[in-house]
Amino acid sequence: MMKNKIYAVGAAGVIALSLAACGTSTASSTSSSSGSAAADTASMPTVKLMVGGIDKQIYLPYQLAEQLGYYQKYGVKVELSTESQGGVGAEDAMASGQVDMAGAWYVHTVDFQSKGKNVINLVQLSGAPGERIMCSPKANVKTGADLKGKTVGVTDLGSGTDELTQFVAAKAGLAKSDYHTIAVGAGATAIAAIQRGSADCVMTTQPTVGALENKNLAVPAIDLATADGAKAALGGTLPSAGLLAQSDWVKTHEDAAQKVVNALVDTMHWISTHSARDIADKLPQSYVQNSTISKDQYVSALNQDKGQFLPDGIMPAGGPKTIFDEEKTIGVDTSKVNIADTFNQKYAQAALKLEGYTATTTPAGNDG
């Protein structure tokens, strides 16, 4: 975001995959009911939503909502796309108006608002980053202090993983000059960075974490994938994956925004009441089984980290304060940013009421 990311929009492939994976029930319908469904879909508002790596486990709710048919259930047509090498990041695409919404980290709301761009978080999907700092066994890294003198791979310079690495290091008493960061992307490119020795460590998520372990290339050094791990390393809960949009767009598209939130909150409830295997069975096969990981490994990894997902879409108490601590620590000027203006709970609360669910997450108030 605003930091020269190198990504590309994979919209056509993702949308085609999503529609193919969801096509079973439509194919079994009668021609008349199919025509009716098509007419219903045509009358729905359309929302373009780009995700910061749609096949990453930390971002699986967006595609899962499509697979479950929840966007259509709540009356909105969502055009999903993903960021990949060669284009722009999800939050940048949203902030520049290329897409309407972004599946990205909550921290970006603070980044944008510190620069005068009114971006807000509408629903919170995770209470932890879902990341681990994975290091070569030879690096002998066990704490943030051990990163001194090491080269750490992040998805991109200036990205959420870059900022999080800076925060981990600062919490351990290191200055930015004490270690080196390089952009390694995710998946196969992150694995290659460890394999060829250009990085001692990489900050990455599942399923890349599992692939590195299965190939005996790296071991988990610092756990940021769970709430307990984040608290140990950072001193508090760190809400990460969320749904971001420009405030002005939300004001003029309240109905569409609410419908997307309804679908995602229902998806979060579904995740909380189903097993990792159930979730993997619903996702596109290419997400859960590919050249880097088997489906059993994917399920095992999801079992390990499933607790990062919030069951109700509610921003957790204390989370925004930790985010502001992170931003101040890495030098972002937050003096003109009000915590209460960076997220809005009303959409998730309305979705819970509509769906008849009870919130179990203690909500953040105006002070975070």
Protein backbone atom coordinates (compact mmCIF):
# COMPACT_ATOMS: atom_id res chain seq x y z
CA MET A 1 0.00 0.00 0.00
CA MET A 2 1.44 3.30 -1.14
CA LYS A 3 4.78 1.43 -1.00
CA ASN A 4 5.43 0.13 -4.49
CA LYS A 5 4.05 -3.37 -4.12
CA ILE A 6 4.45 -5.71 -7.06
CA TYR A 7 1.29 -7.67 -7.56
CA ALA A 8 -1.22 -8.64 -10.26
CA VAL A 9 -4.94 -9.13 -10.37
CA GLY A 10 -5.90 -12.73 -10.98
CA ALA A 11 -9.60 -11.94 -11.17
CA ALA A 12 -10.64 -13.96 -14.18
CA GLY A 13 -9.03 -17.18 -12.99
CA VAL A 14 -10.29 -16.87 -9.45
CA ILE A 15 -13.82 -16.00 -10.48
CA ALA A 16 -13.91 -18.83 -12.98
CA LEU A 17 -12.62 -21.22 -10.34
CA SER A 18 -15.15 -19.98 -7.83
CA LEU A 19 -18.04 -20.37 -10.24
CA ALA A 20 -16.89 -23.81 -11.32
CA ALA A 21 -16.59 -24.97 -7.73
CA CYS A 22 -20.04 -23.67 -6.92
CA GLY A 23 -21.68 -24.99 -10.05
CA THR A 24 -22.92 -28.34 -8.77
CA SER A 25 -26.23 -27.19 -7.32
CA THR A 26 -26.95 -25.01 -10.33
CA ALA A 27 -26.26 -27.82 -12.76
CA SER A 28 -28.71 -30.09 -10.97
CA SER A 29 -31.51 -27.51 -11.06
CA THR A 30 -34.25 -27.47 -13.65
CA SER A 31 -33.87 -25.05 -16.56
CA SER A 32 -36.64 -22.85 -15.22
CA SER A 33 -35.09 -22.58 -11.76
CA SER A 34 -31.69 -21.88 -13.34
CA GLY A 35 -33.25 -19.05 -15.32
CA SER A 36 -34.81 -17.69 -12.17
CA ALA A 37 -31.48 -17.85 -10.34
CA ALA A 38 -29.78 -16.04 -13.21
CA ALA A 39 -32.43 -13.33 -13.11
CA ASP A 40 -32.03 -13.00 -9.35
CA THR A 41 -28.26 -12.71 -9.67
CA ALA A 42 -28.60 -10.06 -12.38
CA SER A 43 -30.65 -7.87 -10.04
CA MET A 44 -28.09 -8.07 -7.23
CA PRO A 45 -25.61 -5.28 -6.53
CA THR A 46 -22.08 -6.13 -7.68
CA VAL A 47 -19.07 -5.65 -5.43
CA LYS A 48 -15.48 -6.04 -6.58
CA LEU A 49 -13.38 -7.52 -3.77
CA MET A 50 -9.64 -8.13 -4.05
CA VAL A 51 -7.93 -10.37 -1.50
CA GLY A 52 -4.31 -10.18 -0.42
CA GLY A 53 -3.55 -13.75 -1.45
CA ILE A 54 -6.82 -15.60 -1.81
CA ASP A 55 -5.29 -19.09 -1.44
CA LYS A 56 -3.59 -18.27 1.88
CA GLN A 57 -5.21 -19.85 4.93
CA ILE A 58 -5.41 -16.49 6.70
CA TYR A 59 -7.70 -15.26 3.92
CA LEU A 60 -9.76 -18.40 3.28
CA PRO A 61 -13.12 -16.93 4.49
CA TYR A 62 -13.53 -14.83 1.33
CA GLN A 63 -13.39 -17.80 -1.05
CA LEU A 64 -15.21 -20.07 1.41
CA ALA A 65 -18.16 -17.65 1.44
CA GLU A 66 -18.33 -18.05 -2.34
CA GLN A 67 -18.11 -21.84 -2.13
CA LEU A 68 -20.91 -21.92 0.45
CA GLY A 69 -23.11 -19.70 -1.72
CA TYR A 70 -23.38 -17.10 1.00
CA TYR A 71 -22.84 -14.01 -1.14
CA GLN A 72 -25.78 -15.01 -3.29
CA LYS A 73 -27.76 -16.05 -0.21
CA TYR A 74 -27.55 -12.50 1.12
CA GLY A 75 -28.25 -10.87 -2.23
CA VAL A 76 -24.90 -9.60 -3.48
CA LYS A 77 -22.75 -10.57 -6.43
CA VAL A 78 -19.11 -10.52 -5.36
CA GLU A 79 -16.38 -10.51 -7.99
CA LEU A 80 -13.37 -11.99 -6.20
CA SER A 81 -9.82 -11.35 -7.35
CA THR A 82 -6.39 -11.82 -5.82
CA GLU A 83 -3.09 -10.02 -5.74
CA SER A 84 -0.09 -11.77 -7.24
CA GLN A 85 3.22 -10.86 -8.83
CA GLY A 86 3.10 -8.14 -11.45
CA GLY A 87 0.38 -5.72 -10.29
CA VAL A 88 -0.96 -3.89 -7.23
CA GLY A 89 -1.78 -4.89 -3.67
CA ALA A 90 -5.37 -5.45 -2.57
CA GLU A 91 -5.49 -2.47 -0.21
CA ASP A 92 -3.89 -0.20 -2.83
CA ALA A 93 -6.39 -1.34 -5.47
CA MET A 94 -9.24 -0.54 -3.08
CA ALA A 95 -7.83 2.84 -2.05
CA SER A 96 -7.38 3.86 -5.68
CA GLY A 97 -10.89 2.74 -6.66
CA GLN A 98 -9.86 -0.19 -8.86
CA VAL A 99 -11.95 -2.43 -6.60
CA ASP A 100 -14.59 -1.65 -4.00
CA MET A 101 -13.33 -3.68 -1.06
CA ALA A 102 -10.13 -5.36 0.04
CA GLY A 103 -9.47 -8.49 2.03
CA ALA A 104 -6.41 -7.17 3.86
CA TRP A 105 -4.98 -6.47 7.30
CA TYR A 106 -6.71 -4.06 9.65
CA VAL A 107 -3.39 -2.22 10.21
CA HIS A 108 -3.74 -0.68 6.74
CA THR A 109 -6.64 1.46 7.96
CA VAL A 110 -4.22 3.23 10.28
CA ASP A 111 -1.59 3.55 7.54
CA PHE A 112 -4.09 5.07 5.14
CA GLN A 113 -5.71 7.38 7.67
CA SER A 114 -2.31 8.66 8.79
CA LYS A 115 -1.92 9.84 5.18
CA GLY A 116 -5.41 11.37 4.95
CA LYS A 117 -7.17 8.48 3.18
CA ASN A 118 -10.34 7.47 5.03
CA VAL A 119 -10.25 3.68 4.86
CA ILE A 120 -12.20 1.69 7.48
CA ASN A 121 -12.51 -1.91 8.63
CA LEU A 122 -16.05 -3.34 8.41
CA VAL A 123 -15.63 -6.87 9.77
CA GLN A 124 -12.75 -8.57 11.57
CA LEU A 125 -11.95 -12.13 10.52
CA SER A 126 -8.90 -12.95 12.63
CA GLY A 127 -7.55 -12.11 16.05
CA ALA A 128 -3.95 -13.01 15.16
CA PRO A 129 -1.78 -12.49 12.06
CA GLY A 130 -1.66 -16.18 11.19
CA GLU A 131 2.06 -15.69 10.49
CA ARG A 132 5.14 -17.51 11.69
CA ILE A 133 8.74 -16.48 11.36
CA MET A 134 10.23 -19.62 9.85
CA CYS A 135 14.01 -19.93 10.01
CA SER A 136 16.66 -22.23 8.69
CA PRO A 137 17.82 -24.53 11.51
CA LYS A 138 21.34 -23.17 10.93
CA ALA A 139 20.15 -19.65 11.79
CA ASN A 140 19.43 -20.68 15.40
CA VAL A 141 16.61 -18.16 15.86
CA LYS A 142 14.28 -18.68 18.79
CA THR A 143 13.33 -15.13 19.81
CA GLY A 144 13.03 -11.71 18.23
CA ALA A 145 16.44 -10.78 19.64
CA ASP A 146 18.00 -13.63 17.64
CA LEU A 147 17.10 -11.83 14.40
CA LYS A 148 20.13 -9.59 14.92
CA GLY A 149 22.43 -9.91 11.92
CA LYS A 150 19.94 -12.06 10.02
CA THR A 151 18.19 -11.58 6.68
CA VAL A 152 14.41 -11.91 6.96
CA GLY A 153 12.18 -12.45 3.94
CA VAL A 154 8.82 -10.62 3.89
CA THR A 155 6.12 -10.66 1.22
CA ASP A 156 7.15 -7.20 0.05
CA LEU A 157 8.99 -4.20 1.44
CA GLY A 158 6.46 -1.95 3.15
CA SER A 159 3.88 -4.75 3.39
CA GLY A 160 2.04 -5.88 6.50
CA THR A 161 4.61 -8.64 7.07
CA ASP A 162 7.43 -6.10 6.78
CA GLU A 163 5.80 -3.86 9.39
CA LEU A 164 5.11 -6.85 11.63
CA THR A 165 8.75 -7.97 11.39
CA GLN A 166 9.83 -4.48 12.43
CA PHE A 167 7.45 -4.63 15.40
CA VAL A 168 8.70 -8.05 16.54
CA ALA A 169 12.30 -6.89 16.30
CA ALA A 170 11.61 -3.58 18.09
CA LYS A 171 9.79 -5.40 20.90
CA ALA A 172 12.96 -7.49 21.31
CA GLY A 173 15.11 -4.35 21.52
CA LEU A 174 16.50 -4.35 17.97
CA ALA A 175 16.85 -1.36 15.69
CA LYS A 176 15.95 -1.69 12.02
CA SER A 177 19.66 -1.50 11.19
CA ASP A 178 20.32 -4.65 13.26
CA TYR A 179 18.82 -6.96 10.62
CA HIS A 180 18.06 -6.98 6.90
CA THR A 181 14.75 -7.54 5.09
CA ILE A 182 14.16 -8.63 1.51
CA ALA A 183 11.00 -9.18 -0.53
CA VAL A 184 10.37 -12.89 -1.17
CA GLY A 185 6.65 -13.05 -1.88
CA ALA A 186 4.82 -16.13 -0.60
CA GLY A 187 4.48 -19.80 -1.41
CA ALA A 188 7.10 -21.18 -3.79
CA THR A 189 9.15 -17.96 -3.90
CA ALA A 190 9.39 -17.79 -0.09
CA ILE A 191 10.39 -21.45 0.01
CA ALA A 192 13.05 -20.82 -2.64
CA ALA A 193 14.53 -17.93 -0.61
CA ILE A 194 15.18 -20.28 2.31
CA GLN A 195 16.30 -23.10 0.02
CA ARG A 196 18.96 -21.05 -1.77
CA GLY A 197 20.05 -19.25 1.40
CA SER A 198 19.17 -15.71 0.33
CA ALA A 199 17.09 -15.43 3.54
CA ASP A 200 17.80 -16.89 6.96
CA CYS A 201 14.14 -16.57 7.89
CA VAL A 202 10.84 -15.75 6.23
CA MET A 203 7.64 -14.42 7.75
CA THR A 204 4.89 -16.48 6.16
CA THR A 205 1.57 -18.21 6.65
CA GLN A 206 0.01 -21.61 6.07
CA PRO A 207 0.23 -23.52 3.82
CA THR A 208 3.80 -22.24 3.20
CA VAL A 209 4.69 -22.88 6.86
CA GLY A 210 3.75 -26.54 6.51
CA ALA A 211 5.59 -26.88 3.21
CA LEU A 212 8.81 -25.53 4.74
CA GLU A 213 8.51 -27.94 7.64
CA ASN A 214 7.70 -30.91 5.41
CA LYS A 215 10.74 -30.19 3.23
CA ASN A 216 12.91 -29.82 6.38
CA LEU A 217 13.99 -26.38 5.18
CA ALA A 218 12.86 -24.29 8.16
CA VAL A 219 11.50 -24.54 11.67
CA PRO A 220 9.01 -22.27 13.47
CA ALA A 221 10.97 -19.65 15.40
CA ILE A 222 8.36 -17.08 16.42
CA ASP A 223 4.63 -17.86 16.56
CA LEU A 224 2.31 -15.08 15.46
CA ALA A 225 -0.34 -17.45 14.15
CA THR A 226 -2.24 -17.79 17.39
CA ALA A 227 -3.57 -15.26 19.90
CA ASP A 228 -1.30 -16.68 22.63
CA GLY A 229 1.74 -16.50 20.37
CA ALA A 230 1.00 -12.91 19.38
CA LYS A 231 0.55 -11.89 23.01
CA ALA A 232 3.87 -13.51 23.96
CA ALA A 233 5.82 -11.82 21.14
CA LEU A 234 4.00 -8.51 20.94
CA GLY A 235 2.29 -7.96 24.25
CA GLY A 236 -1.30 -8.07 23.03
CA THR A 237 -3.89 -9.40 20.60
CA LEU A 238 -3.14 -8.40 17.02
CA PRO A 239 -6.28 -8.37 14.82
CA SER A 240 -5.20 -8.90 11.24
CA ALA A 241 -7.35 -10.16 8.33
CA GLY A 242 -10.38 -7.95 7.84
CA LEU A 243 -12.65 -6.35 5.24
CA LEU A 244 -11.52 -2.86 4.23
CA ALA A 245 -13.23 -0.17 2.17
CA GLN A 246 -13.14 3.55 1.64
CA SER A 247 -15.56 5.29 3.98
CA ASP A 248 -17.05 7.36 1.15
CA TRP A 249 -17.78 4.21 -0.87
CA VAL A 250 -19.49 2.59 2.13
CA LYS A 251 -21.69 5.65 2.66
CA THR A 252 -23.01 5.42 -0.89
CA HIS A 253 -23.25 1.59 -0.92
CA GLU A 254 -24.56 0.80 2.57
CA ASP A 255 -26.84 -2.01 1.38
CA ALA A 256 -24.17 -3.78 -0.66
CA ALA A 257 -21.58 -3.38 2.09
CA GLN A 258 -23.95 -4.84 4.67
CA LYS A 259 -24.72 -7.83 2.45
CA VAL A 260 -21.03 -8.66 2.02
CA VAL A 261 -20.56 -8.45 5.79
CA ASN A 262 -23.62 -10.67 6.32
CA ALA A 263 -22.06 -13.32 4.10
CA LEU A 264 -18.69 -13.14 5.83
CA VAL A 265 -20.11 -13.22 9.36
CA ASP A 266 -22.17 -16.27 8.43
CA THR A 267 -19.00 -17.83 7.01
CA MET A 268 -17.09 -17.16 10.24
CA HIS A 269 -19.86 -18.90 12.17
CA TRP A 270 -19.66 -21.83 9.74
CA ILE A 271 -15.89 -22.06 10.26
CA SER A 272 -16.35 -22.10 14.03
CA THR A 273 -18.82 -25.00 13.84
CA HIS A 274 -16.97 -27.17 11.29
CA SER A 275 -13.72 -29.08 11.23
CA ALA A 276 -10.58 -28.23 9.30
CA ARG A 277 -11.34 -31.19 7.04
CA ASP A 278 -14.85 -29.83 6.35
CA ILE A 279 -13.35 -26.47 5.41
CA ALA A 280 -10.72 -28.00 3.15
CA ASP A 281 -13.38 -30.09 1.41
CA LYS A 282 -15.28 -26.92 0.49
CA LEU A 283 -12.32 -24.94 -0.86
CA PRO A 284 -11.04 -25.26 -4.45
CA GLN A 285 -8.75 -28.26 -4.77
CA SER A 286 -5.85 -26.13 -6.04
CA TYR A 287 -5.84 -24.25 -2.73
CA VAL A 288 -5.51 -27.33 -0.53
CA GLN A 289 -3.43 -29.65 -2.69
CA ASN A 290 -0.65 -28.47 -5.01
CA SER A 291 3.06 -28.72 -5.67
CA THR A 292 3.96 -27.43 -2.22
CA ILE A 293 1.51 -29.29 0.04
CA SER A 294 -0.82 -32.29 0.21
CA LYS A 295 -4.40 -32.05 1.38
CA ASP A 296 -3.64 -33.94 4.60
CA GLN A 297 -0.84 -31.47 5.32
CA TYR A 298 -3.17 -28.56 4.58
CA VAL A 299 -5.78 -29.93 6.98
CA SER A 300 -3.15 -30.51 9.67
CA ALA A 301 -1.92 -26.94 9.30
CA LEU A 302 -5.45 -25.57 9.46
CA ASN A 303 -6.15 -27.62 12.57
CA GLN A 304 -3.13 -26.02 14.17
CA ASP A 305 -4.06 -22.43 13.27
CA LYS A 306 -7.86 -22.49 13.03
CA GLY A 307 -8.09 -20.62 16.33
CA GLN A 308 -6.95 -17.40 14.66
CA PHE A 309 -10.42 -17.03 13.11
CA LEU A 310 -12.99 -15.08 15.08
CA PRO A 311 -16.43 -16.74 15.18
CA ASP A 312 -18.47 -13.55 14.84
CA GLY A 313 -16.59 -10.85 12.87
CA ILE A 314 -16.28 -8.61 15.94
CA MET A 315 -13.15 -6.50 16.51
CA PRO A 316 -11.64 -7.87 19.75
CA ALA A 317 -11.08 -5.68 22.80
CA GLY A 318 -7.52 -4.39 23.07
CA GLY A 319 -6.66 -5.32 19.49
CA PRO A 320 -6.68 -1.82 17.97
CA LYS A 321 -4.44 -0.56 20.81
CA THR A 322 -1.83 -3.17 19.90
CA ILE A 323 -2.04 -2.12 16.25
CA PHE A 324 -1.51 1.53 17.20
CA ASP A 325 1.43 0.46 19.35
CA GLU A 326 2.87 -1.33 16.32
CA GLU A 327 2.43 1.70 14.07
CA LYS A 328 4.01 4.11 16.56
CA THR A 329 6.88 1.69 17.17
CA ILE A 330 7.79 1.53 13.47
CA GLY A 331 7.53 5.29 13.04
CA VAL A 332 4.03 5.87 11.63
CA ASP A 333 2.57 9.21 12.74
CA THR A 334 -0.78 8.28 14.29
CA SER A 335 -1.34 11.63 16.03
CA LYS A 336 -4.19 12.55 13.69
CA VAL A 337 -5.82 9.10 13.69
CA ASN A 338 -8.64 8.26 16.11
CA ILE A 339 -8.90 4.57 17.02
CA ALA A 340 -12.71 4.71 16.86
CA ASP A 341 -12.57 5.91 13.25
CA THR A 342 -10.58 2.93 11.97
CA PHE A 343 -13.28 0.28 12.40
CA ASN A 344 -17.06 0.08 12.60
CA GLN A 345 -18.74 -2.74 14.52
CA LYS A 346 -22.30 -1.96 13.42
CA TYR A 347 -22.18 -4.05 10.25
CA ALA A 348 -21.04 -7.24 11.98
CA GLN A 349 -23.50 -6.62 14.84
CA ALA A 350 -26.34 -6.21 12.34
CA ALA A 351 -25.29 -9.43 10.61
CA LEU A 352 -25.27 -11.34 13.90
CA LYS A 353 -28.76 -10.05 14.69
CA LEU A 354 -30.03 -10.98 11.23
CA GLU A 355 -28.56 -14.47 11.45
CA GLY A 356 -29.65 -15.07 15.05
CA TYR A 357 -26.09 -15.62 16.30
CA THR A 358 -24.64 -14.44 19.61
CA ALA A 359 -21.30 -12.67 19.65
CA THR A 360 -18.68 -14.44 21.78
CA THR A 361 -15.78 -12.05 21.16
CA THR A 362 -15.45 -9.25 23.71
CA PRO A 363 -15.81 -6.18 21.46
CA ALA A 364 -13.37 -3.32 21.25
CA GLY A 365 -14.84 0.00 22.31
CA ASN A 366 -13.97 3.47 21.11
CA ASP A 367 -10.62 3.24 22.91
CA GLY A 368 -9.81 -0.10 21.21
